[in-house]
Amino acid sequence: MRKPRKGMLELLAWKSEPERNVLCKPDGSLVVRGVEIAAAAIDLARKWDDDSRKQDKGPHDQVAALFRRLKTSLHAWTMALDHLASTT
């Protein structure tokens, strides 16, 4: 993520475009019901029957990195949509 000259945050990597779930109300207003973003897979450690085998590394670092990216992405998305917030 970076902040360019115009002040809007930019994401420098992504898996795919976000998918929006938007409801159009009878009065013509739009309500965002949800946003789906693609996420990376997490490699889970195997549980071996043979205790002499070396244990796989746990997913803790991968999960932490995934949530850091998610937090950054949601922050950038929120900043990008901030101009749509109601002023009433």
PDB file of N, CA and C in Angstrom:
ATOM      1  N   MET A   1       0.850  -1.165   0.000  1.00  0.00           N
ATOM      2  CA  MET A   1       0.000   0.000   0.000  1.00  0.00           C
ATOM      3  C   MET A   1       0.899   1.233   0.000  1.00  0.00           C
ATOM      4  N   ARG A   2       0.456   2.247  -0.699  1.00  0.00           N
ATOM      5  CA  ARG A   2       1.198   3.504  -0.678  1.00  0.00           C
ATOM      6  C   ARG A   2       0.208   4.661  -0.782  1.00  0.00           C
ATOM      7  N   LYS A   3       0.664   5.831  -0.405  1.00  0.00           N
ATOM      8  CA  LYS A   3      -0.160   7.030  -0.475  1.00  0.00           C
ATOM      9  C   LYS A   3       0.440   7.935  -1.553  1.00  0.00           C
ATOM     10  N   PRO A   4      -0.211   8.036  -2.709  1.00  0.00           N
ATOM     11  CA  PRO A   4       0.328   8.872  -3.784  1.00  0.00           C
ATOM     12  C   PRO A   4       0.085  10.358  -3.554  1.00  0.00           C
ATOM     13  N   ARG A   5       0.460  11.154  -4.523  1.00  0.00           N
ATOM     14  CA  ARG A   5       0.369  12.615  -4.387  1.00  0.00           C
ATOM     15  C   ARG A   5      -1.053  13.114  -4.136  1.00  0.00           C
ATOM     16  N   LYS A   6      -2.055  12.473  -4.719  1.00  0.00           N
ATOM     17  CA  LYS A   6      -3.432  12.947  -4.556  1.00  0.00           C
ATOM     18  C   LYS A   6      -4.022  12.596  -3.196  1.00  0.00           C
ATOM     19  N   GLY A   7      -3.313  11.809  -2.394  1.00  0.00           N
ATOM     20  CA  GLY A   7      -3.761  11.521  -1.047  1.00  0.00           C
ATOM     21  C   GLY A   7      -4.596  10.268  -0.882  1.00  0.00           C
ATOM     22  N   MET A   8      -4.998   9.603  -1.972  1.00  0.00           N
ATOM     23  CA  MET A   8      -5.786   8.372  -1.884  1.00  0.00           C
ATOM     24  C   MET A   8      -4.841   7.182  -1.735  1.00  0.00           C
ATOM     25  N   LEU A   9      -5.184   6.229  -0.849  1.00  0.00           N
ATOM     26  CA  LEU A   9      -4.356   5.044  -0.669  1.00  0.00           C
ATOM     27  C   LEU A   9      -4.481   4.132  -1.884  1.00  0.00           C
ATOM     28  N   GLU A  10      -3.387   3.478  -2.262  1.00  0.00           N
ATOM     29  CA  GLU A  10      -3.376   2.545  -3.380  1.00  0.00           C
ATOM     30  C   GLU A  10      -2.903   1.184  -2.887  1.00  0.00           C
ATOM     31  N   LEU A  11      -3.609   0.135  -3.275  1.00  0.00           N
ATOM     32  CA  LEU A  11      -3.154  -1.220  -2.995  1.00  0.00           C
ATOM     33  C   LEU A  11      -2.241  -1.641  -4.130  1.00  0.00           C
ATOM     34  N   LEU A  12      -1.105  -2.206  -3.809  1.00  0.00           N
ATOM     35  CA  LEU A  12      -0.128  -2.551  -4.817  1.00  0.00           C
ATOM     36  C   LEU A  12      -0.231  -4.004  -5.271  1.00  0.00           C
ATOM     37  N   ALA A  13      -1.040  -4.817  -4.634  1.00  0.00           N
ATOM     38  CA  ALA A  13      -1.224  -6.215  -5.028  1.00  0.00           C
ATOM     39  C   ALA A  13      -2.619  -6.672  -4.641  1.00  0.00           C
ATOM     40  N   TRP A  14      -3.176  -7.560  -5.451  1.00  0.00           N
ATOM     41  CA  TRP A  14      -4.496  -8.111  -5.151  1.00  0.00           C
ATOM     42  C   TRP A  14      -4.666  -9.416  -5.891  1.00  0.00           C
ATOM     43  N   LYS A  15      -5.638 -10.219  -5.479  1.00  0.00           N
ATOM     44  CA  LYS A  15      -5.936 -11.494  -6.121  1.00  0.00           C
ATOM     45  C   LYS A  15      -6.986 -11.322  -7.205  1.00  0.00           C
ATOM     46  N   SER A  16      -7.976 -10.486  -6.954  1.00  0.00           N
ATOM     47  CA  SER A  16      -9.038 -10.234  -7.931  1.00  0.00           C
ATOM     48  C   SER A  16      -9.803  -8.991  -7.493  1.00  0.00           C
ATOM     49  N   GLU A  17     -10.703  -8.549  -8.344  1.00  0.00           N
ATOM     50  CA  GLU A  17     -11.508  -7.383  -8.016  1.00  0.00           C
ATOM     51  C   GLU A  17     -12.463  -7.723  -6.873  1.00  0.00           C
ATOM     52  N   PRO A  18     -12.739  -6.789  -5.980  1.00  0.00           N
ATOM     53  CA  PRO A  18     -13.725  -7.044  -4.927  1.00  0.00           C
ATOM     54  C   PRO A  18     -15.112  -7.242  -5.538  1.00  0.00           C
ATOM     55  N   GLU A  19     -15.898  -8.122  -4.944  1.00  0.00           N
ATOM     56  CA  GLU A  19     -17.270  -8.328  -5.390  1.00  0.00           C
ATOM     57  C   GLU A  19     -18.200  -7.659  -4.386  1.00  0.00           C
ATOM     58  N   ARG A  20     -19.105  -6.840  -4.895  1.00  0.00           N
ATOM     59  CA  ARG A  20     -20.011  -6.085  -4.041  1.00  0.00           C
ATOM     60  C   ARG A  20     -21.399  -6.693  -4.051  1.00  0.00           C
ATOM     61  N   ASN A  21     -22.065  -6.621  -2.923  1.00  0.00           N
ATOM     62  CA  ASN A  21     -23.464  -7.010  -2.816  1.00  0.00           C
ATOM     63  C   ASN A  21     -24.212  -5.739  -2.428  1.00  0.00           C
ATOM     64  N   VAL A  22     -24.945  -5.163  -3.399  1.00  0.00           N
ATOM     65  CA  VAL A  22     -25.595  -3.874  -3.200  1.00  0.00           C
ATOM     66  C   VAL A  22     -27.102  -4.037  -3.391  1.00  0.00           C
ATOM     67  N   LEU A  23     -27.870  -3.448  -2.495  1.00  0.00           N
ATOM     68  CA  LEU A  23     -29.324  -3.471  -2.567  1.00  0.00           C
ATOM     69  C   LEU A  23     -29.804  -2.107  -3.058  1.00  0.00           C
ATOM     70  N   CYS A  24     -30.645  -2.117  -4.081  1.00  0.00           N
ATOM     71  CA  CYS A  24     -31.250  -0.883  -4.575  1.00  0.00           C
ATOM     72  C   CYS A  24     -32.646  -0.782  -3.955  1.00  0.00           C
ATOM     73  N   LYS A  25     -32.837   0.196  -3.099  1.00  0.00           N
ATOM     74  CA  LYS A  25     -34.113   0.374  -2.405  1.00  0.00           C
ATOM     75  C   LYS A  25     -35.125   1.048  -3.333  1.00  0.00           C
ATOM     76  N   PRO A  26     -36.416   0.929  -3.032  1.00  0.00           N
ATOM     77  CA  PRO A  26     -37.453   1.515  -3.884  1.00  0.00           C
ATOM     78  C   PRO A  26     -37.285   3.026  -4.123  1.00  0.00           C
ATOM     79  N   ASP A  27     -36.672   3.729  -3.174  1.00  0.00           N
ATOM     80  CA  ASP A  27     -36.488   5.171  -3.354  1.00  0.00           C
ATOM     81  C   ASP A  27     -35.258   5.499  -4.203  1.00  0.00           C
ATOM     82  N   GLY A  28     -34.551   4.455  -4.694  1.00  0.00           N
ATOM     83  CA  GLY A  28     -33.390   4.665  -5.548  1.00  0.00           C
ATOM     84  C   GLY A  28     -32.071   4.704  -4.808  1.00  0.00           C
ATOM     85  N   SER A  29     -32.099   4.688  -3.482  1.00  0.00           N
ATOM     86  CA  SER A  29     -30.840   4.700  -2.734  1.00  0.00           C
ATOM     87  C   SER A  29     -30.209   3.310  -2.768  1.00  0.00           C
ATOM     88  N   LEU A  30     -28.904   3.287  -2.677  1.00  0.00           N
ATOM     89  CA  LEU A  30     -28.157   2.037  -2.695  1.00  0.00           C
ATOM     90  C   LEU A  30     -27.617   1.736  -1.306  1.00  0.00           C
ATOM     91  N   VAL A  31     -27.714   0.488  -0.900  1.00  0.00           N
ATOM     92  CA  VAL A  31     -27.205   0.052   0.393  1.00  0.00           C
ATOM     93  C   VAL A  31     -26.173  -1.037   0.137  1.00  0.00           C
ATOM     94  N   VAL A  32     -24.948  -0.828   0.596  1.00  0.00           N
ATOM     95  CA  VAL A  32     -23.911  -1.848   0.465  1.00  0.00           C
ATOM     96  C   VAL A  32     -24.162  -2.901   1.539  1.00  0.00           C
ATOM     97  N   ARG A  33     -24.437  -4.128   1.095  1.00  0.00           N
ATOM     98  CA  ARG A  33     -24.727  -5.213   2.031  1.00  0.00           C
ATOM     99  C   ARG A  33     -23.494  -6.042   2.344  1.00  0.00           C
ATOM    100  N   GLY A  34     -22.502  -5.979   1.475  1.00  0.00           N
ATOM    101  CA  GLY A  34     -21.299  -6.753   1.734  1.00  0.00           C
ATOM    102  C   GLY A  34     -20.279  -6.578   0.624  1.00  0.00           C
ATOM    103  N   VAL A  35     -19.055  -6.928   0.947  1.00  0.00           N
ATOM    104  CA  VAL A  35     -17.958  -6.899  -0.006  1.00  0.00           C
ATOM    105  C   VAL A  35     -17.146  -8.173   0.203  1.00  0.00           C
ATOM    106  N   GLU A  36     -16.861  -8.877  -0.896  1.00  0.00           N
ATOM    107  CA  GLU A  36     -16.032 -10.077  -0.829  1.00  0.00           C
ATOM    108  C   GLU A  36     -14.694  -9.781  -1.479  1.00  0.00           C
ATOM    109  N   ILE A  37     -13.640 -10.197  -0.795  1.00  0.00           N
ATOM    110  CA  ILE A  37     -12.302 -10.049  -1.367  1.00  0.00           C
ATOM    111  C   ILE A  37     -11.631 -11.418  -1.385  1.00  0.00           C
ATOM    112  N   ALA A  38     -10.765 -11.628  -2.356  1.00  0.00           N
ATOM    113  CA  ALA A  38     -10.032 -12.893  -2.452  1.00  0.00           C
ATOM    114  C   ALA A  38      -8.925 -12.899  -1.408  1.00  0.00           C
ATOM    115  N   ALA A  39      -8.677 -14.059  -0.854  1.00  0.00           N
ATOM    116  CA  ALA A  39      -7.622 -14.181   0.150  1.00  0.00           C
ATOM    117  C   ALA A  39      -6.721 -15.360  -0.210  1.00  0.00           C
ATOM    118  N   ALA A  40      -5.547 -15.335   0.301  1.00  0.00           N
ATOM    119  CA  ALA A  40      -4.585 -16.408   0.054  1.00  0.00           C
ATOM    120  C   ALA A  40      -4.908 -17.621   0.923  1.00  0.00           C
ATOM    121  N   ALA A  41      -4.508 -18.776   0.456  1.00  0.00           N
ATOM    122  CA  ALA A  41      -4.674 -20.004   1.230  1.00  0.00           C
ATOM    123  C   ALA A  41      -3.619 -20.061   2.332  1.00  0.00           C
ATOM    124  N   ILE A  42      -3.953 -20.733   3.394  1.00  0.00           N
ATOM    125  CA  ILE A  42      -3.040 -20.921   4.517  1.00  0.00           C
ATOM    126  C   ILE A  42      -2.623 -22.393   4.555  1.00  0.00           C
ATOM    127  N   ASP A  43      -1.325 -22.645   4.598  1.00  0.00           N
ATOM    128  CA  ASP A  43      -0.836 -24.020   4.720  1.00  0.00           C
ATOM    129  C   ASP A  43      -0.948 -24.464   6.172  1.00  0.00           C
ATOM    130  N   LEU A  44      -1.718 -25.531   6.408  1.00  0.00           N
ATOM    131  CA  LEU A  44      -1.894 -26.044   7.763  1.00  0.00           C
ATOM    132  C   LEU A  44      -0.887 -27.152   8.046  1.00  0.00           C
ATOM    133  N   ALA A  45      -0.441 -27.216   9.285  1.00  0.00           N
ATOM    134  CA  ALA A  45       0.515 -28.238   9.685  1.00  0.00           C
ATOM    135  C   ALA A  45      -0.167 -29.607   9.709  1.00  0.00           C
ATOM    136  N   ARG A  46       0.577 -30.614   9.256  1.00  0.00           N
ATOM    137  CA  ARG A  46       0.059 -31.981   9.297  1.00  0.00           C
ATOM    138  C   ARG A  46       0.311 -32.581  10.675  1.00  0.00           C
ATOM    139  N   LYS A  47      -0.570 -33.452  11.088  1.00  0.00           N
ATOM    140  CA  LYS A  47      -0.397 -34.192  12.343  1.00  0.00           C
ATOM    141  C   LYS A  47       0.069 -35.592  11.965  1.00  0.00           C
ATOM    142  N   TRP A  48       1.331 -35.912  12.252  1.00  0.00           N
ATOM    143  CA  TRP A  48       1.904 -37.197  11.875  1.00  0.00           C
ATOM    144  C   TRP A  48       1.603 -38.261  12.934  1.00  0.00           C
ATOM    145  N   ASP A  49       1.362 -39.475  12.480  1.00  0.00           N
ATOM    146  CA  ASP A  49       1.198 -40.613  13.401  1.00  0.00           C
ATOM    147  C   ASP A  49       2.546 -41.024  13.986  1.00  0.00           C
ATOM    148  N   ASP A  50       3.591 -40.782  13.219  1.00  0.00           N
ATOM    149  CA  ASP A  50       4.944 -41.147  13.617  1.00  0.00           C
ATOM    150  C   ASP A  50       5.587 -39.955  14.333  1.00  0.00           C
ATOM    151  N   ASP A  51       5.784 -40.070  15.635  1.00  0.00           N
ATOM    152  CA  ASP A  51       6.341 -38.973  16.432  1.00  0.00           C
ATOM    153  C   ASP A  51       7.790 -38.638  16.075  1.00  0.00           C
ATOM    154  N   SER A  52       8.477 -39.541  15.377  1.00  0.00           N
ATOM    155  CA  SER A  52       9.872 -39.275  15.026  1.00  0.00           C
ATOM    156  C   SER A  52       9.985 -38.327  13.823  1.00  0.00           C
ATOM    157  N   ARG A  53       8.893 -38.117  13.117  1.00  0.00           N
ATOM    158  CA  ARG A  53       8.924 -37.194  11.963  1.00  0.00           C
ATOM    159  C   ARG A  53       8.956 -35.754  12.454  1.00  0.00           C
ATOM    160  N   LYS A  54       9.659 -34.945  11.703  1.00  0.00           N
ATOM    161  CA  LYS A  54       9.734 -33.520  12.031  1.00  0.00           C
ATOM    162  C   LYS A  54       8.356 -32.884  11.814  1.00  0.00           C
ATOM    163  N   GLN A  55       7.908 -32.133  12.798  1.00  0.00           N
ATOM    164  CA  GLN A  55       6.600 -31.474  12.705  1.00  0.00           C
ATOM    165  C   GLN A  55       6.656 -30.322  11.700  1.00  0.00           C
ATOM    166  N   ASP A  56       5.560 -30.135  10.976  1.00  0.00           N
ATOM    167  CA  ASP A  56       5.454 -29.007  10.061  1.00  0.00           C
ATOM    168  C   ASP A  56       5.352 -27.709  10.855  1.00  0.00           C
ATOM    169  N   LYS A  57       5.822 -26.635  10.244  1.00  0.00           N
ATOM    170  CA  LYS A  57       5.717 -25.323  10.874  1.00  0.00           C
ATOM    171  C   LYS A  57       4.237 -24.935  10.957  1.00  0.00           C
ATOM    172  N   GLY A  58       3.842 -24.373  12.069  1.00  0.00           N
ATOM    173  CA  GLY A  58       2.453 -23.953  12.255  1.00  0.00           C
ATOM    174  C   GLY A  58       2.086 -22.762  11.374  1.00  0.00           C
ATOM    175  N   PRO A  59       0.806 -22.468  11.237  1.00  0.00           N
ATOM    176  CA  PRO A  59       0.346 -21.408  10.339  1.00  0.00           C
ATOM    177  C   PRO A  59       0.354 -20.012  10.956  1.00  0.00           C
ATOM    178  N   HIS A  60       0.880 -19.855  12.155  1.00  0.00           N
ATOM    179  CA  HIS A  60       0.761 -18.583  12.873  1.00  0.00           C
ATOM    180  C   HIS A  60       1.281 -17.381  12.076  1.00  0.00           C
ATOM    181  N   ASP A  61       2.469 -17.505  11.485  1.00  0.00           N
ATOM    182  CA  ASP A  61       3.040 -16.386  10.721  1.00  0.00           C
ATOM    183  C   ASP A  61       2.196 -16.070   9.483  1.00  0.00           C
ATOM    184  N   GLN A  62       1.707 -17.123   8.805  1.00  0.00           N
ATOM    185  CA  GLN A  62       0.881 -16.930   7.613  1.00  0.00           C
ATOM    186  C   GLN A  62      -0.451 -16.260   7.969  1.00  0.00           C
ATOM    187  N   VAL A  63      -1.050 -16.690   9.075  1.00  0.00           N
ATOM    188  CA  VAL A  63      -2.325 -16.096   9.505  1.00  0.00           C
ATOM    189  C   VAL A  63      -2.120 -14.635   9.884  1.00  0.00           C
ATOM    190  N   ALA A  64      -1.050 -14.343  10.611  1.00  0.00           N
ATOM    191  CA  ALA A  64      -0.774 -12.956  11.002  1.00  0.00           C
ATOM    192  C   ALA A  64      -0.561 -12.083   9.772  1.00  0.00           C
ATOM    193  N   ALA A  65       0.199 -12.577   8.782  1.00  0.00           N
ATOM    194  CA  ALA A  65       0.438 -11.812   7.561  1.00  0.00           C
ATOM    195  C   ALA A  65      -0.854 -11.599   6.776  1.00  0.00           C
ATOM    196  N   LEU A  66      -1.707 -12.637   6.718  1.00  0.00           N
ATOM    197  CA  LEU A  66      -2.997 -12.516   6.032  1.00  0.00           C
ATOM    198  C   LEU A  66      -3.848 -11.427   6.668  1.00  0.00           C
ATOM    199  N   PHE A  67      -3.922 -11.391   7.984  1.00  0.00           N
ATOM    200  CA  PHE A  67      -4.747 -10.390   8.656  1.00  0.00           C
ATOM    201  C   PHE A  67      -4.139  -8.993   8.593  1.00  0.00           C
ATOM    202  N   ARG A  68      -2.811  -8.904   8.515  1.00  0.00           N
ATOM    203  CA  ARG A  68      -2.201  -7.584   8.281  1.00  0.00           C
ATOM    204  C   ARG A  68      -2.593  -7.055   6.906  1.00  0.00           C
ATOM    205  N   ARG A  69      -2.535  -7.926   5.883  1.00  0.00           N
ATOM    206  CA  ARG A  69      -2.948  -7.511   4.534  1.00  0.00           C
ATOM    207  C   ARG A  69      -4.428  -7.167   4.495  1.00  0.00           C
ATOM    208  N   LEU A  70      -5.250  -7.954   5.184  1.00  0.00           N
ATOM    209  CA  LEU A  70      -6.685  -7.688   5.223  1.00  0.00           C
ATOM    210  C   LEU A  70      -6.971  -6.348   5.890  1.00  0.00           C
ATOM    211  N   LYS A  71      -6.315  -6.076   7.015  1.00  0.00           N
ATOM    212  CA  LYS A  71      -6.494  -4.809   7.714  1.00  0.00           C
ATOM    213  C   LYS A  71      -6.097  -3.638   6.823  1.00  0.00           C
ATOM    214  N   THR A  72      -4.961  -3.758   6.136  1.00  0.00           N
ATOM    215  CA  THR A  72      -4.488  -2.702   5.247  1.00  0.00           C
ATOM    216  C   THR A  72      -5.461  -2.492   4.094  1.00  0.00           C
ATOM    217  N   SER A  73      -5.944  -3.583   3.510  1.00  0.00           N
ATOM    218  CA  SER A  73      -6.877  -3.496   2.384  1.00  0.00           C
ATOM    219  C   SER A  73      -8.193  -2.860   2.803  1.00  0.00           C
ATOM    220  N   LEU A  74      -8.727  -3.269   3.945  1.00  0.00           N
ATOM    221  CA  LEU A  74      -9.989  -2.691   4.419  1.00  0.00           C
ATOM    222  C   LEU A  74      -9.836  -1.212   4.740  1.00  0.00           C
ATOM    223  N   HIS A  75      -8.678  -0.840   5.289  1.00  0.00           N
ATOM    224  CA  HIS A  75      -8.430   0.571   5.578  1.00  0.00           C
ATOM    225  C   HIS A  75      -8.402   1.378   4.282  1.00  0.00           C
ATOM    226  N   ALA A  76      -7.684   0.863   3.276  1.00  0.00           N
ATOM    227  CA  ALA A  76      -7.608   1.567   1.994  1.00  0.00           C
ATOM    228  C   ALA A  76      -8.984   1.657   1.351  1.00  0.00           C
ATOM    229  N   TRP A  77      -9.756   0.585   1.423  1.00  0.00           N
ATOM    230  CA  TRP A  77     -11.108   0.571   0.845  1.00  0.00           C
ATOM    231  C   TRP A  77     -11.998   1.585   1.563  1.00  0.00           C
ATOM    232  N   THR A  78     -11.904   1.628   2.881  1.00  0.00           N
ATOM    233  CA  THR A  78     -12.695   2.587   3.657  1.00  0.00           C
ATOM    234  C   THR A  78     -12.329   4.015   3.283  1.00  0.00           C
ATOM    235  N   MET A  79     -11.026   4.288   3.146  1.00  0.00           N
ATOM    236  CA  MET A  79     -10.585   5.629   2.773  1.00  0.00           C
ATOM    237  C   MET A  79     -11.073   5.998   1.374  1.00  0.00           C
ATOM    238  N   ALA A  80     -11.071   5.018   0.459  1.00  0.00           N
ATOM    239  CA  ALA A  80     -11.511   5.278  -0.913  1.00  0.00           C
ATOM    240  C   ALA A  80     -13.002   5.577  -0.971  1.00  0.00           C
ATOM    241  N   LEU A  81     -13.785   4.985  -0.065  1.00  0.00           N
ATOM    242  CA  LEU A  81     -15.234   5.193  -0.061  1.00  0.00           C
ATOM    243  C   LEU A  81     -15.685   6.282   0.899  1.00  0.00           C
ATOM    244  N   ASP A  82     -14.752   6.883   1.600  1.00  0.00           N
ATOM    245  CA  ASP A  82     -15.083   7.867   2.612  1.00  0.00           C
ATOM    246  C   ASP A  82     -15.898   9.024   2.029  1.00  0.00           C
ATOM    247  N   HIS A  83     -15.657   9.379   0.771  1.00  0.00           N
ATOM    248  CA  HIS A  83     -16.375  10.492   0.162  1.00  0.00           C
ATOM    249  C   HIS A  83     -17.857  10.174  -0.056  1.00  0.00           C
ATOM    250  N   LEU A  84     -18.244   8.886   0.050  1.00  0.00           N
ATOM    251  CA  LEU A  84     -19.649   8.514  -0.127  1.00  0.00           C
ATOM    252  C   LEU A  84     -20.446   8.596   1.176  1.00  0.00           C
ATOM    253  N   ALA A  85     -19.761   8.804   2.283  1.00  0.00           N
ATOM    254  CA  ALA A  85     -20.431   8.849   3.584  1.00  0.00           C
ATOM    255  C   ALA A  85     -21.449   9.985   3.626  1.00  0.00           C
ATOM    256  N   SER A  86     -22.543   9.702   4.272  1.00  0.00           N
ATOM    257  CA  SER A  86     -23.607  10.721   4.392  1.00  0.00           C
ATOM    258  C   SER A  86     -23.138  11.877   5.254  1.00  0.00           C
ATOM    259  N   THR A  87     -23.492  13.079   4.855  1.00  0.00           N
ATOM    260  CA  THR A  87     -23.115  14.269   5.622  1.00  0.00           C
ATOM    261  C   THR A  87     -24.287  14.804   6.440  1.00  0.00           C
ATOM    262  N   THR A  88     -25.380  14.034   6.510  1.00  0.00           N
ATOM    263  CA  THR A  88     -26.552  14.493   7.277  1.00  0.00           C
ATOM    264  C   THR A  88     -26.490  14.038   8.696  1.00  0.00           C
TER     265      THR A  88
END
